[in-house]
């Protein structure tokens, strides 16, 4: 008697393989050139997506999509059914995409070669960022010695002269709060409310203002020596900026910047 897996017919194996091959678009016949990972863009910024043909097929069009959750998706449409254009091997293609008003460091773009037979895809090799426009110069401040964290806000000239406000939280960034269709990555607590109700007041400096012609601003978070009890050491604060249109609608949100309260 023979033991092991039951025998499988050759037709079944071939059918299963064919089903796997046709279940989803395949890679390697088209190459995405950019954005390919590591870039950082502001909301509303023009991003040139570039790709080229590796192997010629009877291509009927191109589909472009993006994900804010890395290569696992879900995939959202950028432009679907773009004209096939030149389908010969080596042919270059491009499309100008206006970056959406999202805040994620895990964005990827995917291109699909839509053919009369099997479709082929390629996507960014690594994550890139949209909405990563707020950065801190130091990761922590000592509650005993005090200090300042300088926050650099840069959302680009497309949002120049817009009103901005910076808020904070000491209770984390998820799930955040939904406002005007955007998720502000700050949990609501007393500090969050304080920074909104009393902008430009200690511990925040210049937390409410108008962006300069380049779409930038500088904000400070300052702690005086000993003003916070030592038991607060270990708490992580987060700050994020929101950009408002002339009507007061929130149109962009930055990623949160952490600040550790050290001993």
C-alpha atoms as a PDB file:
ATOM      1  CA  UNK A   1       0.000   0.000   0.000  1.00  0.00           C
ATOM      2  CA  UNK A   2       1.250   3.463  -0.880  1.00  0.00           C
ATOM      3  CA  UNK A   3       0.794   6.318   1.565  1.00  0.00           C
ATOM      4  CA  UNK A   4       0.744  10.064   0.982  1.00  0.00           C
ATOM      5  CA  UNK A   5      -1.408  12.474  -0.947  1.00  0.00           C
ATOM      6  CA  UNK A   6      -4.039  11.052  -3.287  1.00  0.00           C
ATOM      7  CA  UNK A   7      -3.226  11.044  -6.975  1.00  0.00           C
ATOM      8  CA  UNK A   8      -4.367  14.138  -8.877  1.00  0.00           C
ATOM      9  CA  UNK A   9      -5.216  13.997 -12.531  1.00  0.00           C
ATOM     10  CA  UNK A  10      -3.111  15.983 -14.994  1.00  0.00           C
ATOM     11  CA  UNK A  11      -6.151  17.830 -16.388  1.00  0.00           C
ATOM     12  CA  UNK A  12      -7.024  18.975 -12.872  1.00  0.00           C
ATOM     13  CA  UNK A  13      -3.500  20.291 -12.264  1.00  0.00           C
ATOM     14  CA  UNK A  14      -3.519  22.178 -15.554  1.00  0.00           C
ATOM     15  CA  UNK A  15      -6.930  23.655 -14.841  1.00  0.00           C
ATOM     16  CA  UNK A  16      -5.861  24.771 -11.352  1.00  0.00           C
ATOM     17  CA  UNK A  17      -2.695  26.380 -12.715  1.00  0.00           C
ATOM     18  CA  UNK A  18      -4.652  28.205 -15.383  1.00  0.00           C
ATOM     19  CA  UNK A  19      -7.099  29.498 -12.789  1.00  0.00           C
ATOM     20  CA  UNK A  20      -4.236  30.884 -10.689  1.00  0.00           C
ATOM     21  CA  UNK A  21      -2.651  32.565 -13.671  1.00  0.00           C
ATOM     22  CA  UNK A  22      -5.854  34.263 -14.755  1.00  0.00           C
ATOM     23  CA  UNK A  23      -7.204  35.137 -11.310  1.00  0.00           C
ATOM     24  CA  UNK A  24      -5.179  38.341 -10.979  1.00  0.00           C
ATOM     25  CA  UNK A  25      -2.960  40.552 -13.159  1.00  0.00           C
ATOM     26  CA  UNK A  26       0.614  39.311 -13.478  1.00  0.00           C
ATOM     27  CA  UNK A  27       3.838  41.283 -13.171  1.00  0.00           C
ATOM     28  CA  UNK A  28       7.027  41.630 -15.225  1.00  0.00           C
ATOM     29  CA  UNK A  29       5.679  42.768 -18.620  1.00  0.00           C
ATOM     30  CA  UNK A  30       5.356  46.419 -17.573  1.00  0.00           C
ATOM     31  CA  UNK A  31       7.623  48.404 -15.242  1.00  0.00           C
ATOM     32  CA  UNK A  32       6.645  51.335 -13.017  1.00  0.00           C
ATOM     33  CA  UNK A  33       9.533  53.798 -12.946  1.00  0.00           C
ATOM     34  CA  UNK A  34       8.255  56.485 -10.582  1.00  0.00           C
ATOM     35  CA  UNK A  35       7.227  57.133  -7.931  1.00  0.00           C
ATOM     36  CA  UNK A  36       9.155  54.085  -6.804  1.00  0.00           C
ATOM     37  CA  UNK A  37       9.521  54.556  -3.044  1.00  0.00           C
ATOM     38  CA  UNK A  38      11.053  56.983  -0.573  1.00  0.00           C
ATOM     39  CA  UNK A  39       9.599  60.162  -2.064  1.00  0.00           C
ATOM     40  CA  UNK A  40       7.546  62.660  -0.082  1.00  0.00           C
ATOM     41  CA  UNK A  41       4.774  64.766  -1.622  1.00  0.00           C
ATOM     42  CA  UNK A  42       2.354  67.348  -0.353  1.00  0.00           C
ATOM     43  CA  UNK A  43      -1.404  67.192  -0.873  1.00  0.00           C
ATOM     44  CA  UNK A  44      -2.381  68.838  -4.142  1.00  0.00           C
ATOM     45  CA  UNK A  45       1.143  68.445  -5.516  1.00  0.00           C
ATOM     46  CA  UNK A  46       1.552  67.281  -9.118  1.00  0.00           C
ATOM     47  CA  UNK A  47       3.183  63.833  -9.214  1.00  0.00           C
ATOM     48  CA  UNK A  48       4.419  62.487 -12.541  1.00  0.00           C
ATOM     49  CA  UNK A  49       3.779  58.755 -12.765  1.00  0.00           C
ATOM     50  CA  UNK A  50       6.099  57.106 -15.295  1.00  0.00           C
ATOM     51  CA  UNK A  51       6.175  53.545 -16.597  1.00  0.00           C
ATOM     52  CA  UNK A  52       7.458  51.654 -19.631  1.00  0.00           C
ATOM     53  CA  UNK A  53       6.603  48.532 -21.641  1.00  0.00           C
ATOM     54  CA  UNK A  54       8.820  45.511 -21.109  1.00  0.00           C
ATOM     55  CA  UNK A  55       7.052  43.025 -23.372  1.00  0.00           C
ATOM     56  CA  UNK A  56       4.663  44.022 -26.129  1.00  0.00           C
ATOM     57  CA  UNK A  57       1.081  42.743 -25.986  1.00  0.00           C
ATOM     58  CA  UNK A  58      -2.200  43.609 -27.650  1.00  0.00           C
ATOM     59  CA  UNK A  59      -2.731  46.356 -25.086  1.00  0.00           C
ATOM     60  CA  UNK A  60      -6.056  48.188 -25.062  1.00  0.00           C
ATOM     61  CA  UNK A  61      -5.318  50.646 -22.263  1.00  0.00           C
ATOM     62  CA  UNK A  62      -3.688  51.446 -18.922  1.00  0.00           C
ATOM     63  CA  UNK A  63      -5.094  51.608 -15.402  1.00  0.00           C
ATOM     64  CA  UNK A  64      -3.441  53.576 -12.596  1.00  0.00           C
ATOM     65  CA  UNK A  65      -4.307  53.078  -8.943  1.00  0.00           C
ATOM     66  CA  UNK A  66      -2.893  53.923  -5.521  1.00  0.00           C
ATOM     67  CA  UNK A  67      -2.934  52.493  -2.018  1.00  0.00           C
ATOM     68  CA  UNK A  68      -2.338  54.265   1.305  1.00  0.00           C
ATOM     69  CA  UNK A  69      -1.692  50.925   2.989  1.00  0.00           C
ATOM     70  CA  UNK A  70       1.386  49.683   1.155  1.00  0.00           C
ATOM     71  CA  UNK A  71       1.228  46.853  -1.326  1.00  0.00           C
ATOM     72  CA  UNK A  72      -1.678  45.167   0.466  1.00  0.00           C
ATOM     73  CA  UNK A  73      -4.237  47.730  -0.740  1.00  0.00           C
ATOM     74  CA  UNK A  74      -7.102  48.435  -1.008  1.00  0.00           C
ATOM     75  CA  UNK A  75      -6.393  50.042  -4.374  1.00  0.00           C
ATOM     76  CA  UNK A  76      -8.122  53.296  -5.293  1.00  0.00           C
ATOM     77  CA  UNK A  77      -8.421  54.603  -8.857  1.00  0.00           C
ATOM     78  CA  UNK A  78      -6.190  57.359 -10.190  1.00  0.00           C
ATOM     79  CA  UNK A  79      -7.034  57.045 -13.886  1.00  0.00           C
ATOM     80  CA  UNK A  80      -8.685  54.048 -15.534  1.00  0.00           C
ATOM     81  CA  UNK A  81      -8.812  53.207 -19.209  1.00  0.00           C
ATOM     82  CA  UNK A  82      -6.011  55.503 -20.327  1.00  0.00           C
ATOM     83  CA  UNK A  83      -5.266  55.198 -24.075  1.00  0.00           C
ATOM     84  CA  UNK A  84      -2.824  52.425 -24.960  1.00  0.00           C
ATOM     85  CA  UNK A  85      -0.544  54.690 -27.005  1.00  0.00           C
ATOM     86  CA  UNK A  86       2.747  53.128 -28.066  1.00  0.00           C
ATOM     87  CA  UNK A  87       2.677  49.463 -26.986  1.00  0.00           C
ATOM     88  CA  UNK A  88       6.088  48.413 -28.309  1.00  0.00           C
ATOM     89  CA  UNK A  89       8.768  47.160 -25.892  1.00  0.00           C
ATOM     90  CA  UNK A  90      10.623  50.069 -24.311  1.00  0.00           C
ATOM     91  CA  UNK A  91       7.872  52.623 -24.951  1.00  0.00           C
ATOM     92  CA  UNK A  92       7.620  55.194 -22.148  1.00  0.00           C
ATOM     93  CA  UNK A  93       4.336  56.455 -20.712  1.00  0.00           C
ATOM     94  CA  UNK A  94       3.494  59.089 -18.127  1.00  0.00           C
ATOM     95  CA  UNK A  95       0.542  60.640 -16.363  1.00  0.00           C
ATOM     96  CA  UNK A  96       0.378  63.673 -14.058  1.00  0.00           C
ATOM     97  CA  UNK A  97      -1.479  62.828 -10.861  1.00  0.00           C
ATOM     98  CA  UNK A  98      -2.590  65.493  -8.401  1.00  0.00           C
ATOM     99  CA  UNK A  99      -1.825  64.042  -4.976  1.00  0.00           C
ATOM    100  CA  UNK A 100      -4.960  63.486  -2.906  1.00  0.00           C
ATOM    101  CA  UNK A 101      -5.526  65.158   0.445  1.00  0.00           C
ATOM    102  CA  UNK A 102      -4.451  62.178   2.513  1.00  0.00           C
ATOM    103  CA  UNK A 103      -1.821  61.674   5.163  1.00  0.00           C
ATOM    104  CA  UNK A 104       0.108  58.429   4.830  1.00  0.00           C
ATOM    105  CA  UNK A 105       3.703  57.289   4.691  1.00  0.00           C
ATOM    106  CA  UNK A 106       2.681  53.993   3.100  1.00  0.00           C
ATOM    107  CA  UNK A 107       1.516  55.094  -0.346  1.00  0.00           C
ATOM    108  CA  UNK A 108       2.179  53.032  -3.462  1.00  0.00           C
ATOM    109  CA  UNK A 109       1.142  53.386  -7.101  1.00  0.00           C
ATOM    110  CA  UNK A 110       0.166  50.472  -9.333  1.00  0.00           C
ATOM    111  CA  UNK A 111       0.027  50.385 -13.139  1.00  0.00           C
ATOM    112  CA  UNK A 112      -1.927  47.700 -14.992  1.00  0.00           C
ATOM    113  CA  UNK A 113      -1.329  46.835 -18.635  1.00  0.00           C
ATOM    114  CA  UNK A 114      -4.873  46.063 -19.788  1.00  0.00           C
ATOM    115  CA  UNK A 115      -4.567  43.527 -22.595  1.00  0.00           C
ATOM    116  CA  UNK A 116      -7.020  41.541 -24.690  1.00  0.00           C
ATOM    117  CA  UNK A 117      -5.580  38.434 -23.009  1.00  0.00           C
ATOM    118  CA  UNK A 118      -3.744  38.359 -19.657  1.00  0.00           C
ATOM    119  CA  UNK A 119      -3.217  41.662 -17.850  1.00  0.00           C
ATOM    120  CA  UNK A 120       0.094  42.602 -16.231  1.00  0.00           C
ATOM    121  CA  UNK A 121       0.926  44.948 -13.370  1.00  0.00           C
ATOM    122  CA  UNK A 122       3.799  46.612 -11.588  1.00  0.00           C
ATOM    123  CA  UNK A 123       3.845  48.831  -8.523  1.00  0.00           C
ATOM    124  CA  UNK A 124       6.169  51.028  -6.505  1.00  0.00           C
ATOM    125  CA  UNK A 125       9.067  49.026  -5.057  1.00  0.00           C
ATOM    126  CA  UNK A 126       8.654  50.699  -1.659  1.00  0.00           C
ATOM    127  CA  UNK A 127       6.328  53.061   0.157  1.00  0.00           C
ATOM    128  CA  UNK A 128       6.366  56.823  -0.353  1.00  0.00           C
ATOM    129  CA  UNK A 129       4.638  59.567   1.568  1.00  0.00           C
ATOM    130  CA  UNK A 130       1.849  62.037   1.003  1.00  0.00           C
ATOM    131  CA  UNK A 131       1.010  64.451   3.797  1.00  0.00           C
ATOM    132  CA  UNK A 132       4.327  64.032   5.593  1.00  0.00           C
ATOM    133  CA  UNK A 133       4.762  67.791   5.893  1.00  0.00           C
ATOM    134  CA  UNK A 134       5.313  68.256   9.633  1.00  0.00           C
ATOM    135  CA  UNK A 135       8.682  67.357  11.125  1.00  0.00           C
ATOM    136  CA  UNK A 136      10.226  67.835  14.554  1.00  0.00           C
ATOM    137  CA  UNK A 137      13.877  68.650  15.150  1.00  0.00           C
ATOM    138  CA  UNK A 138      14.189  66.674  18.406  1.00  0.00           C
ATOM    139  CA  UNK A 139      12.372  63.518  19.533  1.00  0.00           C
ATOM    140  CA  UNK A 140      12.107  64.360  23.230  1.00  0.00           C
ATOM    141  CA  UNK A 141      12.158  67.060  25.913  1.00  0.00           C
ATOM    142  CA  UNK A 142      13.271  66.552  29.517  1.00  0.00           C
ATOM    143  CA  UNK A 143      10.549  67.441  32.029  1.00  0.00           C
ATOM    144  CA  UNK A 144      13.217  68.406  34.571  1.00  0.00           C
ATOM    145  CA  UNK A 145      15.481  70.445  32.299  1.00  0.00           C
ATOM    146  CA  UNK A 146      12.841  71.762  29.885  1.00  0.00           C
ATOM    147  CA  UNK A 147      13.449  72.484  26.245  1.00  0.00           C
ATOM    148  CA  UNK A 148      11.876  73.174  22.853  1.00  0.00           C
ATOM    149  CA  UNK A 149      10.835  71.039  19.914  1.00  0.00           C
ATOM    150  CA  UNK A 150      10.665  73.001  16.665  1.00  0.00           C
ATOM    151  CA  UNK A 151       8.058  71.781  14.192  1.00  0.00           C
ATOM    152  CA  UNK A 152       8.621  72.582  10.513  1.00  0.00           C
ATOM    153  CA  UNK A 153       5.439  72.684   8.455  1.00  0.00           C
ATOM    154  CA  UNK A 154       5.788  72.475   4.676  1.00  0.00           C
ATOM    155  CA  UNK A 155       2.758  71.745   2.490  1.00  0.00           C
ATOM    156  CA  UNK A 156       4.069  73.368  -0.678  1.00  0.00           C
ATOM    157  CA  UNK A 157       3.190  76.498  -2.654  1.00  0.00           C
ATOM    158  CA  UNK A 158      -0.164  75.099  -3.815  1.00  0.00           C
ATOM    159  CA  UNK A 159      -1.481  75.822  -0.316  1.00  0.00           C
ATOM    160  CA  UNK A 160       0.405  79.100   0.174  1.00  0.00           C
ATOM    161  CA  UNK A 161      -1.366  81.743   2.275  1.00  0.00           C
ATOM    162  CA  UNK A 162      -3.784  79.172   3.677  1.00  0.00           C
ATOM    163  CA  UNK A 163      -4.755  79.240   7.341  1.00  0.00           C
ATOM    164  CA  UNK A 164      -3.175  76.503   9.454  1.00  0.00           C
ATOM    165  CA  UNK A 165      -3.636  75.284  13.022  1.00  0.00           C
ATOM    166  CA  UNK A 166      -1.617  72.818  15.067  1.00  0.00           C
ATOM    167  CA  UNK A 167      -3.240  70.686  17.760  1.00  0.00           C
ATOM    168  CA  UNK A 168      -1.882  68.067  20.140  1.00  0.00           C
ATOM    169  CA  UNK A 169      -2.821  65.027  22.175  1.00  0.00           C
ATOM    170  CA  UNK A 170      -1.337  62.889  24.952  1.00  0.00           C
ATOM    171  CA  UNK A 171      -3.649  59.926  24.340  1.00  0.00           C
ATOM    172  CA  UNK A 172      -2.460  58.559  21.008  1.00  0.00           C
ATOM    173  CA  UNK A 173      -3.223  58.939  17.331  1.00  0.00           C
ATOM    174  CA  UNK A 174      -5.709  56.180  16.575  1.00  0.00           C
ATOM    175  CA  UNK A 175      -8.576  56.225  15.772  1.00  0.00           C
ATOM    176  CA  UNK A 176      -8.259  60.022  15.648  1.00  0.00           C
ATOM    177  CA  UNK A 177     -11.201  62.238  14.842  1.00  0.00           C
ATOM    178  CA  UNK A 178     -13.097  62.654  11.560  1.00  0.00           C
ATOM    179  CA  UNK A 179     -13.574  66.262  10.444  1.00  0.00           C
ATOM    180  CA  UNK A 180     -14.716  67.529   7.035  1.00  0.00           C
ATOM    181  CA  UNK A 181     -14.149  64.050   5.618  1.00  0.00           C
ATOM    182  CA  UNK A 182     -10.522  63.847   6.777  1.00  0.00           C
ATOM    183  CA  UNK A 183      -9.133  61.865   9.687  1.00  0.00           C
ATOM    184  CA  UNK A 184      -7.161  64.066  12.077  1.00  0.00           C
ATOM    185  CA  UNK A 185      -4.633  61.610  13.587  1.00  0.00           C
ATOM    186  CA  UNK A 186      -5.043  62.869  17.157  1.00  0.00           C
ATOM    187  CA  UNK A 187      -7.282  61.431  19.865  1.00  0.00           C
ATOM    188  CA  UNK A 188      -9.506  63.900  21.652  1.00  0.00           C
ATOM    189  CA  UNK A 189      -8.451  64.673  25.223  1.00  0.00           C
ATOM    190  CA  UNK A 190      -8.004  67.745  27.434  1.00  0.00           C
ATOM    191  CA  UNK A 191      -4.730  68.702  25.697  1.00  0.00           C
ATOM    192  CA  UNK A 192      -6.311  68.385  22.262  1.00  0.00           C
ATOM    193  CA  UNK A 193      -9.110  70.720  23.344  1.00  0.00           C
ATOM    194  CA  UNK A 194      -6.685  73.141  24.985  1.00  0.00           C
ATOM    195  CA  UNK A 195      -4.531  73.488  21.869  1.00  0.00           C
ATOM    196  CA  UNK A 196      -7.619  74.214  19.745  1.00  0.00           C
ATOM    197  CA  UNK A 197      -9.267  76.615  22.202  1.00  0.00           C
ATOM    198  CA  UNK A 198      -6.088  78.539  23.072  1.00  0.00           C
ATOM    199  CA  UNK A 199      -3.826  78.642  19.994  1.00  0.00           C
ATOM    200  CA  UNK A 200      -0.510  80.492  20.083  1.00  0.00           C
ATOM    201  CA  UNK A 201      -0.346  80.034  23.847  1.00  0.00           C
ATOM    202  CA  UNK A 202       2.118  78.047  25.946  1.00  0.00           C
ATOM    203  CA  UNK A 203       3.284  75.376  25.357  1.00  0.00           C
ATOM    204  CA  UNK A 204       2.678  76.023  21.640  1.00  0.00           C
ATOM    205  CA  UNK A 205       4.098  78.981  19.779  1.00  0.00           C
ATOM    206  CA  UNK A 206       2.790  80.136  16.393  1.00  0.00           C
ATOM    207  CA  UNK A 207       0.310  77.245  16.318  1.00  0.00           C
ATOM    208  CA  UNK A 208      -2.273  79.295  14.422  1.00  0.00           C
ATOM    209  CA  UNK A 209      -1.333  81.429  11.455  1.00  0.00           C
ATOM    210  CA  UNK A 210      -1.069  81.844   7.704  1.00  0.00           C
ATOM    211  CA  UNK A 211       1.373  79.889   5.563  1.00  0.00           C
ATOM    212  CA  UNK A 212       4.065  81.874   3.761  1.00  0.00           C
ATOM    213  CA  UNK A 213       4.395  82.037  -0.078  1.00  0.00           C
ATOM    214  CA  UNK A 214       6.173  78.678  -0.056  1.00  0.00           C
ATOM    215  CA  UNK A 215       3.467  77.039   2.038  1.00  0.00           C
ATOM    216  CA  UNK A 216       5.650  76.782   5.139  1.00  0.00           C
ATOM    217  CA  UNK A 217       5.513  77.771   8.799  1.00  0.00           C
ATOM    218  CA  UNK A 218       7.466  77.127  11.995  1.00  0.00           C
ATOM    219  CA  UNK A 219       5.807  76.109  15.266  1.00  0.00           C
ATOM    220  CA  UNK A 220       7.395  75.518  18.667  1.00  0.00           C
ATOM    221  CA  UNK A 221       6.532  73.271  21.594  1.00  0.00           C
ATOM    222  CA  UNK A 222       8.226  74.552  24.763  1.00  0.00           C
ATOM    223  CA  UNK A 223       8.408  73.171  28.293  1.00  0.00           C
ATOM    224  CA  UNK A 224       9.877  75.165  31.170  1.00  0.00           C
ATOM    225  CA  UNK A 225      12.165  73.349  33.613  1.00  0.00           C
ATOM    226  CA  UNK A 226      10.113  71.490  36.197  1.00  0.00           C
ATOM    227  CA  UNK A 227       6.732  72.799  35.046  1.00  0.00           C
ATOM    228  CA  UNK A 228       5.523  69.225  34.504  1.00  0.00           C
ATOM    229  CA  UNK A 229       5.774  66.700  37.382  1.00  0.00           C
ATOM    230  CA  UNK A 230       8.409  64.017  36.997  1.00  0.00           C
ATOM    231  CA  UNK A 231       5.730  61.324  37.010  1.00  0.00           C
ATOM    232  CA  UNK A 232       4.796  62.518  33.504  1.00  0.00           C
ATOM    233  CA  UNK A 233       8.101  61.164  32.172  1.00  0.00           C
ATOM    234  CA  UNK A 234       7.425  58.487  29.583  1.00  0.00           C
ATOM    235  CA  UNK A 235       4.305  60.092  28.160  1.00  0.00           C
ATOM    236  CA  UNK A 236       4.383  60.594  24.388  1.00  0.00           C
ATOM    237  CA  UNK A 237       2.644  63.665  22.998  1.00  0.00           C
ATOM    238  CA  UNK A 238       1.715  64.027  19.351  1.00  0.00           C
ATOM    239  CA  UNK A 239       1.083  67.152  17.285  1.00  0.00           C
ATOM    240  CA  UNK A 240      -0.422  67.488  13.822  1.00  0.00           C
ATOM    241  CA  UNK A 241      -1.340  70.403  11.580  1.00  0.00           C
ATOM    242  CA  UNK A 242      -4.534  71.053   9.703  1.00  0.00           C
ATOM    243  CA  UNK A 243      -4.868  73.348   6.680  1.00  0.00           C
ATOM    244  CA  UNK A 244      -8.090  75.309   6.162  1.00  0.00           C
ATOM    245  CA  UNK A 245      -9.568  76.913   3.062  1.00  0.00           C
ATOM    246  CA  UNK A 246     -10.979  80.479   3.141  1.00  0.00           C
ATOM    247  CA  UNK A 247     -14.351  79.101   4.213  1.00  0.00           C
ATOM    248  CA  UNK A 248     -12.857  77.310   7.194  1.00  0.00           C
ATOM    249  CA  UNK A 249     -13.112  73.806   5.719  1.00  0.00           C
ATOM    250  CA  UNK A 250     -10.311  71.408   6.561  1.00  0.00           C
ATOM    251  CA  UNK A 251      -8.579  70.515   3.285  1.00  0.00           C
ATOM    252  CA  UNK A 252      -5.377  68.797   4.430  1.00  0.00           C
ATOM    253  CA  UNK A 253      -3.944  67.135   7.522  1.00  0.00           C
ATOM    254  CA  UNK A 254      -0.335  66.259   8.274  1.00  0.00           C
ATOM    255  CA  UNK A 255       0.956  63.114   9.876  1.00  0.00           C
ATOM    256  CA  UNK A 256       1.402  63.345  13.666  1.00  0.00           C
ATOM    257  CA  UNK A 257       4.829  64.138  15.099  1.00  0.00           C
ATOM    258  CA  UNK A 258       5.690  62.419  18.402  1.00  0.00           C
ATOM    259  CA  UNK A 259       7.329  64.119  21.375  1.00  0.00           C
ATOM    260  CA  UNK A 260       8.562  61.986  24.276  1.00  0.00           C
ATOM    261  CA  UNK A 261       8.525  63.536  27.739  1.00  0.00           C
ATOM    262  CA  UNK A 262      11.844  62.327  29.112  1.00  0.00           C
ATOM    263  CA  UNK A 263      12.917  62.408  32.800  1.00  0.00           C
END
